[in-house]
Amino acid sequence: MALIRLWLFLFALQAVFYLLLRVYLRSQQVERVENRWDARHPDQAGNSAARRAFVAKAMTGFNRSLRARLALAVFVLPTLAVLVIVILVNWQ
């Protein structure tokens, strides 16, 4: 029973960290895309319909990017670490 509680607590904690990391990575990518727009179009700096369309088009592939997929390591690595610790502690 304690292992199930540990797993649920760990999963909830991982989900919170994953969501925060995902929001952070997405905001960083939007910032990079906006800076690229500003560098290419210095006369159109600011919030315009063309800039919003450029950012939306550039962000379409973000979910399939390596950086977004590596964020899933938040779930995998701690779970594997706990599993290895449990196995090593109970080995003898």
N, C-alpha and C. Protein backbone atom coordinates (compact mmCIF):
# COMPACT_ATOMS: atom_id res chain seq x y z
N MET A 1 0.82 -1.20 0.00
CA MET A 1 0.00 0.00 0.00
C MET A 1 0.87 1.26 0.00
N ALA A 2 1.96 1.21 0.73
CA ALA A 2 2.84 2.37 0.79
C ALA A 2 3.48 2.65 -0.57
N LEU A 3 3.77 1.58 -1.31
CA LEU A 3 4.36 1.76 -2.63
C LEU A 3 3.38 2.44 -3.59
N ILE A 4 2.10 2.12 -3.45
CA ILE A 4 1.09 2.75 -4.30
C ILE A 4 0.96 4.24 -3.95
N ARG A 5 0.98 4.56 -2.66
CA ARG A 5 0.92 5.96 -2.26
C ARG A 5 2.15 6.73 -2.74
N LEU A 6 3.32 6.09 -2.65
CA LEU A 6 4.54 6.71 -3.15
C LEU A 6 4.44 6.96 -4.65
N TRP A 7 3.95 5.98 -5.38
CA TRP A 7 3.83 6.11 -6.83
C TRP A 7 2.84 7.23 -7.19
N LEU A 8 1.70 7.30 -6.50
CA LEU A 8 0.72 8.36 -6.78
C LEU A 8 1.28 9.74 -6.46
N PHE A 9 1.98 9.87 -5.34
CA PHE A 9 2.59 11.14 -4.98
C PHE A 9 3.64 11.54 -6.00
N LEU A 10 4.48 10.58 -6.39
CA LEU A 10 5.51 10.85 -7.38
C LEU A 10 4.90 11.23 -8.72
N PHE A 11 3.85 10.56 -9.13
CA PHE A 11 3.19 10.88 -10.39
C PHE A 11 2.60 12.28 -10.36
N ALA A 12 1.94 12.65 -9.27
CA ALA A 12 1.37 14.00 -9.16
C ALA A 12 2.46 15.06 -9.19
N LEU A 13 3.55 14.82 -8.49
CA LEU A 13 4.66 15.76 -8.49
C LEU A 13 5.29 15.88 -9.87
N GLN A 14 5.45 14.75 -10.55
CA GLN A 14 6.00 14.76 -11.90
C GLN A 14 5.08 15.51 -12.86
N ALA A 15 3.77 15.35 -12.72
CA ALA A 15 2.82 16.03 -13.59
C ALA A 15 2.90 17.54 -13.42
N VAL A 16 3.04 17.99 -12.19
CA VAL A 16 3.16 19.43 -11.94
C VAL A 16 4.45 19.97 -12.56
N PHE A 17 5.56 19.27 -12.33
CA PHE A 17 6.82 19.71 -12.92
C PHE A 17 6.78 19.67 -14.44
N TYR A 18 6.14 18.66 -15.00
CA TYR A 18 6.04 18.55 -16.46
C TYR A 18 5.25 19.73 -17.03
N LEU A 19 4.13 20.07 -16.41
CA LEU A 19 3.33 21.19 -16.90
C LEU A 19 4.09 22.51 -16.81
N LEU A 20 4.78 22.71 -15.70
CA LEU A 20 5.56 23.94 -15.55
C LEU A 20 6.70 24.00 -16.56
N LEU A 21 7.38 22.88 -16.77
CA LEU A 21 8.46 22.83 -17.74
C LEU A 21 7.94 23.04 -19.15
N ARG A 22 6.80 22.48 -19.45
CA ARG A 22 6.20 22.62 -20.78
C ARG A 22 5.83 24.08 -21.07
N VAL A 23 5.23 24.75 -20.09
CA VAL A 23 4.88 26.16 -20.24
C VAL A 23 6.15 27.00 -20.43
N TYR A 24 7.18 26.70 -19.64
CA TYR A 24 8.43 27.44 -19.75
C TYR A 24 9.08 27.24 -21.12
N LEU A 25 9.17 25.99 -21.59
CA LEU A 25 9.79 25.73 -22.88
C LEU A 25 9.02 26.38 -24.01
N ARG A 26 7.69 26.34 -23.93
CA ARG A 26 6.87 26.95 -24.98
C ARG A 26 7.06 28.47 -24.99
N SER A 27 7.12 29.08 -23.82
CA SER A 27 7.29 30.54 -23.78
C SER A 27 8.67 30.94 -24.31
N GLN A 28 9.68 30.13 -24.02
CA GLN A 28 11.01 30.40 -24.55
C GLN A 28 11.04 30.31 -26.08
N GLN A 29 10.34 29.31 -26.62
CA GLN A 29 10.29 29.17 -28.08
C GLN A 29 9.53 30.32 -28.72
N VAL A 30 8.43 30.74 -28.12
CA VAL A 30 7.68 31.89 -28.64
C VAL A 30 8.55 33.13 -28.63
N GLU A 31 9.32 33.30 -27.57
CA GLU A 31 10.22 34.46 -27.48
C GLU A 31 11.27 34.43 -28.59
N ARG A 32 11.83 33.24 -28.86
CA ARG A 32 12.82 33.13 -29.94
C ARG A 32 12.20 33.47 -31.29
N VAL A 33 10.99 32.97 -31.53
CA VAL A 33 10.32 33.23 -32.80
C VAL A 33 9.98 34.71 -32.94
N GLU A 34 9.52 35.34 -31.87
CA GLU A 34 9.23 36.77 -31.91
C GLU A 34 10.49 37.59 -32.16
N ASN A 35 11.60 37.19 -31.54
CA ASN A 35 12.86 37.91 -31.78
C ASN A 35 13.31 37.73 -33.22
N ARG A 36 13.09 36.56 -33.80
CA ARG A 36 13.43 36.34 -35.20
C ARG A 36 12.59 37.23 -36.10
N TRP A 37 11.30 37.38 -35.77
CA TRP A 37 10.43 38.27 -36.54
C TRP A 37 10.92 39.71 -36.45
N ASP A 38 11.26 40.14 -35.24
CA ASP A 38 11.73 41.51 -35.05
C ASP A 38 13.03 41.77 -35.80
N ALA A 39 13.91 40.76 -35.86
CA ALA A 39 15.17 40.94 -36.58
C ALA A 39 14.95 41.01 -38.09
N ARG A 40 14.01 40.24 -38.59
CA ARG A 40 13.75 40.23 -40.03
C ARG A 40 12.92 41.43 -40.49
N HIS A 41 12.04 41.91 -39.62
CA HIS A 41 11.14 43.00 -39.97
C HIS A 41 11.24 44.12 -38.93
N PRO A 42 12.32 44.87 -38.94
CA PRO A 42 12.47 45.92 -37.92
C PRO A 42 11.42 47.03 -38.05
N ASP A 43 10.89 47.22 -39.24
CA ASP A 43 9.89 48.27 -39.41
C ASP A 43 8.51 47.83 -38.91
N GLN A 44 8.29 46.52 -38.71
CA GLN A 44 7.00 46.01 -38.26
C GLN A 44 7.07 45.45 -36.85
N ALA A 45 7.98 45.94 -36.05
CA ALA A 45 8.10 45.46 -34.67
C ALA A 45 6.84 45.82 -33.90
N GLY A 46 6.45 44.96 -33.02
CA GLY A 46 5.23 45.18 -32.24
C GLY A 46 4.21 44.11 -32.56
N ASN A 47 3.09 44.18 -31.89
CA ASN A 47 2.06 43.17 -32.05
C ASN A 47 1.20 43.48 -33.26
N SER A 48 1.37 42.71 -34.31
CA SER A 48 0.56 42.90 -35.51
C SER A 48 -0.02 41.55 -35.93
N ALA A 49 -0.96 41.60 -36.84
CA ALA A 49 -1.59 40.36 -37.31
C ALA A 49 -0.58 39.48 -38.04
N ALA A 50 0.32 40.08 -38.80
CA ALA A 50 1.33 39.31 -39.53
C ALA A 50 2.29 38.62 -38.56
N ARG A 51 2.66 39.33 -37.49
CA ARG A 51 3.55 38.73 -36.49
C ARG A 51 2.88 37.57 -35.77
N ARG A 52 1.62 37.75 -35.39
CA ARG A 52 0.88 36.67 -34.72
C ARG A 52 0.75 35.45 -35.63
N ALA A 53 0.51 35.68 -36.91
CA ALA A 53 0.41 34.57 -37.87
C ALA A 53 1.76 33.87 -38.02
N PHE A 54 2.84 34.64 -38.06
CA PHE A 54 4.18 34.07 -38.16
C PHE A 54 4.50 33.20 -36.95
N VAL A 55 4.17 33.70 -35.77
CA VAL A 55 4.43 32.96 -34.54
C VAL A 55 3.57 31.69 -34.50
N ALA A 56 2.31 31.80 -34.87
CA ALA A 56 1.43 30.62 -34.86
C ALA A 56 1.92 29.57 -35.84
N LYS A 57 2.37 29.99 -37.00
CA LYS A 57 2.87 29.03 -37.99
C LYS A 57 4.17 28.38 -37.52
N ALA A 58 5.04 29.17 -36.90
CA ALA A 58 6.32 28.63 -36.43
C ALA A 58 6.14 27.68 -35.24
N MET A 59 5.08 27.84 -34.48
CA MET A 59 4.86 27.01 -33.29
C MET A 59 4.09 25.72 -33.59
N THR A 60 3.66 25.52 -34.83
CA THR A 60 2.87 24.33 -35.12
C THR A 60 3.66 23.05 -34.90
N GLY A 61 4.93 23.03 -35.18
CA GLY A 61 5.73 21.83 -35.01
C GLY A 61 6.41 21.71 -33.67
N PHE A 62 6.11 22.59 -32.74
CA PHE A 62 6.80 22.58 -31.45
C PHE A 62 6.53 21.29 -30.67
N ASN A 63 5.32 20.77 -30.72
CA ASN A 63 4.99 19.57 -29.95
C ASN A 63 5.78 18.35 -30.41
N ARG A 64 6.25 18.36 -31.65
CA ARG A 64 7.02 17.24 -32.17
C ARG A 64 8.51 17.48 -32.11
N SER A 65 8.93 18.59 -31.54
CA SER A 65 10.35 18.90 -31.48
C SER A 65 11.05 18.06 -30.41
N LEU A 66 12.36 17.95 -30.55
CA LEU A 66 13.15 17.17 -29.59
C LEU A 66 13.06 17.77 -28.20
N ARG A 67 13.08 19.08 -28.11
CA ARG A 67 13.03 19.74 -26.81
C ARG A 67 11.71 19.42 -26.09
N ALA A 68 10.61 19.42 -26.81
CA ALA A 68 9.33 19.11 -26.18
C ALA A 68 9.25 17.65 -25.78
N ARG A 69 9.83 16.78 -26.59
CA ARG A 69 9.81 15.35 -26.26
C ARG A 69 10.72 15.03 -25.09
N LEU A 70 11.82 15.74 -24.96
CA LEU A 70 12.72 15.50 -23.84
C LEU A 70 12.09 15.91 -22.51
N ALA A 71 11.09 16.77 -22.56
CA ALA A 71 10.40 17.16 -21.33
C ALA A 71 9.68 15.96 -20.72
N LEU A 72 9.37 14.96 -21.52
CA LEU A 72 8.75 13.74 -20.99
C LEU A 72 9.70 12.95 -20.10
N ALA A 73 10.98 13.28 -20.15
CA ALA A 73 11.94 12.63 -19.27
C ALA A 73 11.64 12.93 -17.81
N VAL A 74 10.83 13.96 -17.55
CA VAL A 74 10.40 14.28 -16.19
C VAL A 74 9.61 13.11 -15.61
N PHE A 75 8.92 12.38 -16.44
CA PHE A 75 8.17 11.21 -15.98
C PHE A 75 9.05 9.97 -15.91
N VAL A 76 9.90 9.79 -16.88
CA VAL A 76 10.64 8.53 -17.00
C VAL A 76 11.78 8.43 -15.99
N LEU A 77 12.62 9.44 -15.91
CA LEU A 77 13.83 9.34 -15.08
C LEU A 77 13.56 9.16 -13.59
N PRO A 78 12.70 9.96 -12.96
CA PRO A 78 12.46 9.72 -11.53
C PRO A 78 11.78 8.37 -11.26
N THR A 79 10.92 7.94 -12.15
CA THR A 79 10.27 6.64 -11.96
C THR A 79 11.30 5.52 -12.03
N LEU A 80 12.20 5.59 -12.99
CA LEU A 80 13.26 4.59 -13.08
C LEU A 80 14.18 4.65 -11.86
N ALA A 81 14.48 5.85 -11.39
CA ALA A 81 15.35 5.99 -10.22
C ALA A 81 14.71 5.35 -8.99
N VAL A 82 13.43 5.60 -8.77
CA VAL A 82 12.74 5.00 -7.62
C VAL A 82 12.68 3.48 -7.77
N LEU A 83 12.43 3.01 -8.98
CA LEU A 83 12.38 1.58 -9.21
C LEU A 83 13.73 0.92 -8.92
N VAL A 84 14.81 1.53 -9.38
CA VAL A 84 16.15 0.99 -9.12
C VAL A 84 16.46 1.00 -7.63
N ILE A 85 16.09 2.07 -6.94
CA ILE A 85 16.34 2.15 -5.50
C ILE A 85 15.56 1.07 -4.76
N VAL A 86 14.30 0.88 -5.12
CA VAL A 86 13.48 -0.14 -4.48
C VAL A 86 14.06 -1.52 -4.72
N ILE A 87 14.50 -1.79 -5.94
CA ILE A 87 15.08 -3.10 -6.25
C ILE A 87 16.38 -3.31 -5.47
N LEU A 88 17.24 -2.29 -5.44
CA LEU A 88 18.52 -2.43 -4.73
C LEU A 88 18.34 -2.60 -3.23
N VAL A 89 17.39 -1.89 -2.66
CA VAL A 89 17.16 -1.99 -1.22
C VAL A 89 16.59 -3.36 -0.87
N ASN A 90 15.72 -3.90 -1.69
CA ASN A 90 15.08 -5.17 -1.39
C ASN A 90 15.83 -6.37 -1.95
N TRP A 91 16.98 -6.18 -2.54
CA TRP A 91 17.72 -7.28 -3.15
C TRP A 91 18.17 -8.31 -2.12
N GLN A 92 18.60 -7.84 -0.95
CA GLN A 92 19.13 -8.78 0.04
C GLN A 92 18.17 -8.99 1.18
